[in-house]
Amino acid sequence: MPRVSVRNNNIDAAIRVFKRKVTDSGILMDHRDRQFFEKKSTKLNRNKRAAVVRERRRQSKDGQTRSKNS
């Protein structure tokens, strides 16, 4: 669990630092993933769909940068 010290009674800054540490560590995403049971097949299908979307984005970016360079 990330820890943050409050300096000079500045709670707002400490909350910002804490939120950044939590998102960087991935604790919140891990909790959301484990909140409900998900079958392995469903998890695999979701990961495959996400990979397809990532690949399409990568290819569209490659196509845009290549057309600009030509």
N, C-alpha and C. Protein backbone atom coordinates (compact mmCIF):
# COMPACT_ATOMS: atom_id res chain seq x y z
N MET A 1 0.83 -1.17 0.00
CA MET A 1 0.00 0.00 0.00
C MET A 1 0.88 1.25 0.00
N PRO A 2 0.65 2.17 -0.90
CA PRO A 2 1.46 3.40 -0.95
C PRO A 2 1.24 4.25 0.30
N ARG A 3 2.31 4.85 0.75
CA ARG A 3 2.23 5.74 1.91
C ARG A 3 2.66 7.14 1.49
N VAL A 4 2.00 8.12 2.10
CA VAL A 4 2.30 9.51 1.80
C VAL A 4 2.36 10.27 3.11
N SER A 5 3.36 11.11 3.26
CA SER A 5 3.44 11.93 4.46
C SER A 5 2.88 13.32 4.15
N VAL A 6 2.15 13.86 5.10
CA VAL A 6 1.56 15.20 4.95
C VAL A 6 2.55 16.20 5.50
N ARG A 7 2.90 17.18 4.67
CA ARG A 7 3.87 18.19 5.10
C ARG A 7 3.15 19.54 5.22
N ASN A 8 3.43 20.24 6.27
CA ASN A 8 2.89 21.58 6.52
C ASN A 8 1.36 21.61 6.45
N ASN A 9 0.72 20.55 6.90
CA ASN A 9 -0.75 20.44 6.90
C ASN A 9 -1.35 20.65 5.52
N ASN A 10 -0.61 20.30 4.48
CA ASN A 10 -1.08 20.44 3.11
C ASN A 10 -1.68 19.11 2.66
N ILE A 11 -2.94 18.91 3.00
CA ILE A 11 -3.61 17.64 2.71
C ILE A 11 -3.90 17.49 1.22
N ASP A 12 -4.20 18.59 0.55
CA ASP A 12 -4.53 18.52 -0.89
C ASP A 12 -3.35 17.96 -1.69
N ALA A 13 -2.17 18.43 -1.40
CA ALA A 13 -0.99 17.93 -2.11
C ALA A 13 -0.75 16.47 -1.79
N ALA A 14 -0.96 16.09 -0.53
CA ALA A 14 -0.77 14.70 -0.14
C ALA A 14 -1.77 13.79 -0.83
N ILE A 15 -3.00 14.24 -1.01
CA ILE A 15 -4.01 13.44 -1.70
C ILE A 15 -3.63 13.27 -3.17
N ARG A 16 -3.14 14.34 -3.80
CA ARG A 16 -2.71 14.25 -5.21
C ARG A 16 -1.58 13.23 -5.36
N VAL A 17 -0.61 13.28 -4.45
CA VAL A 17 0.52 12.35 -4.50
C VAL A 17 0.03 10.93 -4.28
N PHE A 18 -0.88 10.75 -3.32
CA PHE A 18 -1.41 9.43 -3.03
C PHE A 18 -2.15 8.86 -4.23
N LYS A 19 -3.00 9.66 -4.87
CA LYS A 19 -3.74 9.19 -6.04
C LYS A 19 -2.78 8.79 -7.16
N ARG A 20 -1.74 9.56 -7.37
CA ARG A 20 -0.77 9.23 -8.41
C ARG A 20 -0.05 7.91 -8.08
N LYS A 21 0.33 7.72 -6.83
CA LYS A 21 1.00 6.48 -6.44
C LYS A 21 0.08 5.27 -6.60
N VAL A 22 -1.19 5.43 -6.26
CA VAL A 22 -2.14 4.32 -6.39
C VAL A 22 -2.33 3.96 -7.86
N THR A 23 -2.49 4.95 -8.73
CA THR A 23 -2.70 4.64 -10.15
C THR A 23 -1.44 4.05 -10.76
N ASP A 24 -0.26 4.54 -10.37
CA ASP A 24 0.98 4.01 -10.92
C ASP A 24 1.23 2.58 -10.48
N SER A 25 0.84 2.24 -9.25
CA SER A 25 1.08 0.89 -8.75
C SER A 25 0.06 -0.11 -9.31
N GLY A 26 -1.09 0.37 -9.80
CA GLY A 26 -2.08 -0.52 -10.39
C GLY A 26 -2.97 -1.21 -9.38
N ILE A 27 -2.99 -0.75 -8.15
CA ILE A 27 -3.78 -1.38 -7.10
C ILE A 27 -5.27 -1.29 -7.42
N LEU A 28 -5.70 -0.13 -7.87
CA LEU A 28 -7.12 0.07 -8.13
C LEU A 28 -7.61 -0.79 -9.29
N MET A 29 -6.83 -0.89 -10.36
CA MET A 29 -7.22 -1.73 -11.49
C MET A 29 -7.24 -3.20 -11.08
N ASP A 30 -6.30 -3.61 -10.27
CA ASP A 30 -6.28 -4.99 -9.78
C ASP A 30 -7.52 -5.28 -8.95
N HIS A 31 -7.91 -4.35 -8.12
CA HIS A 31 -9.12 -4.53 -7.30
C HIS A 31 -10.36 -4.64 -8.18
N ARG A 32 -10.45 -3.80 -9.20
CA ARG A 32 -11.61 -3.85 -10.09
C ARG A 32 -11.65 -5.16 -10.86
N ASP A 33 -10.48 -5.66 -11.26
CA ASP A 33 -10.44 -6.94 -11.97
C ASP A 33 -10.88 -8.10 -11.08
N ARG A 34 -10.55 -8.05 -9.82
CA ARG A 34 -10.85 -9.16 -8.90
C ARG A 34 -12.17 -8.99 -8.17
N GLN A 35 -12.87 -7.90 -8.41
CA GLN A 35 -14.10 -7.64 -7.68
C GLN A 35 -15.15 -8.72 -7.95
N PHE A 36 -15.25 -9.17 -9.19
CA PHE A 36 -16.20 -10.22 -9.57
C PHE A 36 -15.44 -11.32 -10.28
N PHE A 37 -15.91 -12.54 -10.10
CA PHE A 37 -15.26 -13.68 -10.75
C PHE A 37 -15.49 -13.62 -12.25
N GLU A 38 -14.44 -13.95 -13.00
CA GLU A 38 -14.53 -13.97 -14.45
C GLU A 38 -13.92 -15.28 -14.94
N LYS A 39 -14.66 -15.98 -15.79
CA LYS A 39 -14.17 -17.25 -16.30
C LYS A 39 -12.90 -17.03 -17.11
N LYS A 40 -12.07 -18.06 -17.20
CA LYS A 40 -10.84 -17.94 -17.96
C LYS A 40 -11.10 -17.65 -19.43
N SER A 41 -12.12 -18.33 -19.98
CA SER A 41 -12.42 -18.12 -21.39
C SER A 41 -12.87 -16.68 -21.65
N THR A 42 -13.63 -16.10 -20.74
CA THR A 42 -14.07 -14.71 -20.90
C THR A 42 -12.88 -13.77 -20.80
N LYS A 43 -11.99 -14.06 -19.88
CA LYS A 43 -10.81 -13.23 -19.71
C LYS A 43 -9.92 -13.30 -20.95
N LEU A 44 -9.74 -14.51 -21.50
CA LEU A 44 -8.93 -14.67 -22.71
C LEU A 44 -9.55 -13.92 -23.88
N ASN A 45 -10.88 -14.03 -24.04
CA ASN A 45 -11.54 -13.33 -25.13
C ASN A 45 -11.40 -11.82 -24.99
N ARG A 46 -11.53 -11.32 -23.77
CA ARG A 46 -11.39 -9.88 -23.54
C ARG A 46 -9.97 -9.43 -23.86
N ASN A 47 -8.98 -10.22 -23.46
CA ASN A 47 -7.59 -9.87 -23.75
C ASN A 47 -7.30 -9.92 -25.24
N LYS A 48 -7.88 -10.88 -25.95
CA LYS A 48 -7.68 -10.97 -27.40
C LYS A 48 -8.29 -9.77 -28.10
N ARG A 49 -9.50 -9.39 -27.69
CA ARG A 49 -10.14 -8.21 -28.29
C ARG A 49 -9.31 -6.95 -28.04
N ALA A 50 -8.77 -6.83 -26.84
CA ALA A 50 -7.94 -5.67 -26.52
C ALA A 50 -6.67 -5.66 -27.36
N ALA A 51 -6.11 -6.84 -27.61
CA ALA A 51 -4.90 -6.93 -28.44
C ALA A 51 -5.21 -6.52 -29.88
N VAL A 52 -6.39 -6.92 -30.38
CA VAL A 52 -6.77 -6.55 -31.75
C VAL A 52 -6.92 -5.04 -31.85
N VAL A 53 -7.53 -4.43 -30.86
CA VAL A 53 -7.72 -2.98 -30.87
C VAL A 53 -6.36 -2.28 -30.82
N ARG A 54 -5.46 -2.77 -29.96
CA ARG A 54 -4.12 -2.17 -29.88
C ARG A 54 -3.39 -2.27 -31.21
N GLU A 55 -3.49 -3.42 -31.85
CA GLU A 55 -2.80 -3.63 -33.12
C GLU A 55 -3.37 -2.71 -34.21
N ARG A 56 -4.69 -2.57 -34.24
CA ARG A 56 -5.31 -1.67 -35.23
C ARG A 56 -4.84 -0.24 -35.01
N ARG A 57 -4.79 0.18 -33.76
CA ARG A 57 -4.31 1.54 -33.46
C ARG A 57 -2.87 1.70 -33.91
N ARG A 58 -2.05 0.69 -33.62
CA ARG A 58 -0.63 0.78 -33.98
C ARG A 58 -0.48 0.86 -35.49
N GLN A 59 -1.25 0.05 -36.21
CA GLN A 59 -1.15 0.06 -37.67
C GLN A 59 -1.66 1.37 -38.25
N SER A 60 -2.72 1.93 -37.68
CA SER A 60 -3.23 3.19 -38.21
C SER A 60 -2.23 4.31 -37.94
N LYS A 61 -1.56 4.28 -36.81
CA LYS A 61 -0.53 5.28 -36.53
C LYS A 61 0.65 5.11 -37.48
N ASP A 62 1.04 3.85 -37.75
CA ASP A 62 2.13 3.61 -38.69
C ASP A 62 1.77 4.13 -40.07
N GLY A 63 0.56 3.89 -40.51
CA GLY A 63 0.12 4.35 -41.82
C GLY A 63 0.11 5.86 -41.91
N GLN A 64 -0.28 6.54 -40.84
CA GLN A 64 -0.32 7.99 -40.85
C GLN A 64 1.09 8.56 -40.89
N THR A 65 2.02 7.99 -40.13
CA THR A 65 3.38 8.53 -40.09
C THR A 65 4.10 8.23 -41.39
N ARG A 66 3.84 7.09 -42.00
CA ARG A 66 4.48 6.76 -43.27
C ARG A 66 3.97 7.65 -44.39
N SER A 67 2.67 7.95 -44.39
CA SER A 67 2.12 8.80 -45.45
C SER A 67 2.64 10.23 -45.31
N LYS A 68 2.91 10.68 -44.07
CA LYS A 68 3.45 12.03 -43.88
C LYS A 68 4.91 12.10 -44.34
N ASN A 69 5.65 11.00 -44.13
CA ASN A 69 7.06 10.99 -44.49
C ASN A 69 7.28 10.83 -45.99
N SER A 70 6.31 10.34 -46.72
CA SER A 70 6.47 10.09 -48.16
C SER A 70 6.39 11.36 -48.94
